[in-house]
Protein backbone atom coordinates (compact mmCIF):
# COMPACT_ATOMS: atom_id res chain seq x y z
CA MET A 1 7.75 2.82 -15.28
CA GLY A 2 4.53 3.82 -13.50
CA ILE A 3 4.10 0.29 -12.19
CA GLY A 4 7.54 0.63 -10.62
CA VAL A 5 6.36 3.73 -8.77
CA TRP A 6 3.29 1.87 -7.54
CA LEU A 7 5.36 -1.10 -6.41
CA GLY A 8 7.90 1.18 -4.74
CA THR A 9 5.27 3.13 -2.83
CA GLY A 10 3.71 -0.12 -1.60
CA ILE A 11 7.08 -1.30 -0.32
CA ILE A 12 7.81 2.06 1.31
CA ALA A 13 4.39 2.01 3.00
CA ALA A 14 5.09 -1.48 4.37
CA VAL A 15 8.51 -0.39 5.66
CA ILE A 16 7.08 2.68 7.38
CA ALA A 17 4.28 0.59 8.89
CA ARG A 18 6.88 -1.70 10.49
CA PHE A 19 8.26 1.28 12.44
CA ILE A 20 4.86 2.09 13.94
CA PRO A 21 4.52 -0.07 17.06
CA PHE A 22 0.71 0.09 17.41
CA ARG A 23 -0.49 -3.54 17.29
CA ARG A 24 2.53 -4.67 15.35
CA GLY A 25 2.29 -8.42 15.28
CA SER A 26 4.01 -11.31 13.61
CA ARG A 27 2.07 -10.92 10.35
CA ARG A 28 4.95 -9.20 8.58
CA LEU A 29 4.60 -11.10 5.29
CA VAL A 30 0.85 -10.54 5.22
CA GLU A 31 1.30 -6.79 5.75
CA TRP A 32 3.92 -6.56 2.99
CA THR A 33 1.77 -8.54 0.55
CA VAL A 34 -1.37 -6.56 1.27
CA ALA A 35 0.48 -3.23 0.99
CA VAL A 36 1.97 -4.11 -2.40
CA ILE A 37 -1.28 -5.52 -3.81
CA THR A 38 -3.21 -2.48 -2.56
CA ALA A 39 -0.66 -0.13 -4.13
CA LEU A 40 -0.98 -1.92 -7.46
CA LEU A 41 -4.79 -1.78 -7.34
CA ALA A 42 -4.69 1.89 -6.34
CA GLY A 43 -2.37 2.49 -9.27
CA LEU A 44 -4.96 1.06 -11.60
CA ILE A 45 -7.55 3.36 -10.05
CA ALA A 46 -5.16 6.29 -10.48
CA THR A 47 -4.80 5.38 -14.14
CA ALA A 48 -8.59 5.32 -14.51
CA LEU A 49 -8.74 8.76 -12.87
CA ASP A 50 -6.17 9.93 -15.43
CA PHE A 51 -3.30 10.89 -13.19
CA GLY A 52 -0.35 8.80 -14.17
CA GLY A 53 -0.46 5.53 -15.95
CA TRP A 54 1.12 2.13 -15.96
CA ASN A 55 3.95 3.30 -18.25
CA GLU A 56 4.51 6.88 -17.05
CA PRO A 57 5.52 7.87 -13.51
CA ASP A 58 3.45 10.58 -11.88
CA TRP A 59 3.82 11.96 -8.38
CA ARG A 60 0.04 12.12 -7.90
CA ALA A 61 -0.31 8.41 -8.59
CA GLY A 62 2.61 7.70 -6.26
CA LEU A 63 1.04 9.70 -3.45
CA PHE A 64 -2.33 8.04 -4.04
CA THR A 65 -0.89 4.51 -4.00
CA PHE A 66 1.24 5.27 -0.92
CA ALA A 67 -1.76 6.61 1.01
CA ALA A 68 -3.94 3.66 0.00
CA ALA A 69 -1.32 1.07 1.00
CA LEU A 70 -0.64 2.74 4.34
CA ALA A 71 -4.36 3.07 5.04
CA VAL A 72 -5.00 -0.62 4.39
CA VAL A 73 -2.14 -1.72 6.62
CA GLY A 74 -3.46 0.60 9.34
CA TRP A 75 -6.93 -0.84 8.89
CA MET A 76 -5.51 -4.35 9.23
CA ARG A 77 -3.97 -3.43 12.56
CA ALA A 78 -6.99 -1.51 13.86
CA ALA A 79 -9.46 -4.30 13.04
CA PRO A 80 -7.51 -7.54 13.53
CA GLY A 81 -10.65 -9.65 13.98
CA LEU A 82 -11.91 -8.71 10.52
CA VAL A 83 -8.70 -9.60 8.70
CA GLY A 84 -7.39 -12.61 10.58
CA ARG A 85 -5.73 -13.71 13.74
CA ALA A 86 -2.47 -12.10 14.84
């Protein structure tokens, strides 16, 4: 159940990032993939920090994974030369 929260927050972060026009390019699939993978990794970190877990939903883990996914997508747009070509 907690993994579902992590996955959901990664998807929500990717959807919100598509509404922000700053340097929005044609890398839609890359942004979605990176947001979901980042949310899953942040969920594992949240589990290690003992808020939430992979089988129990927790709002703190959801907020942490959402912020991490949105931050990574923003970083991808702010530093396009470091991540790849647009």
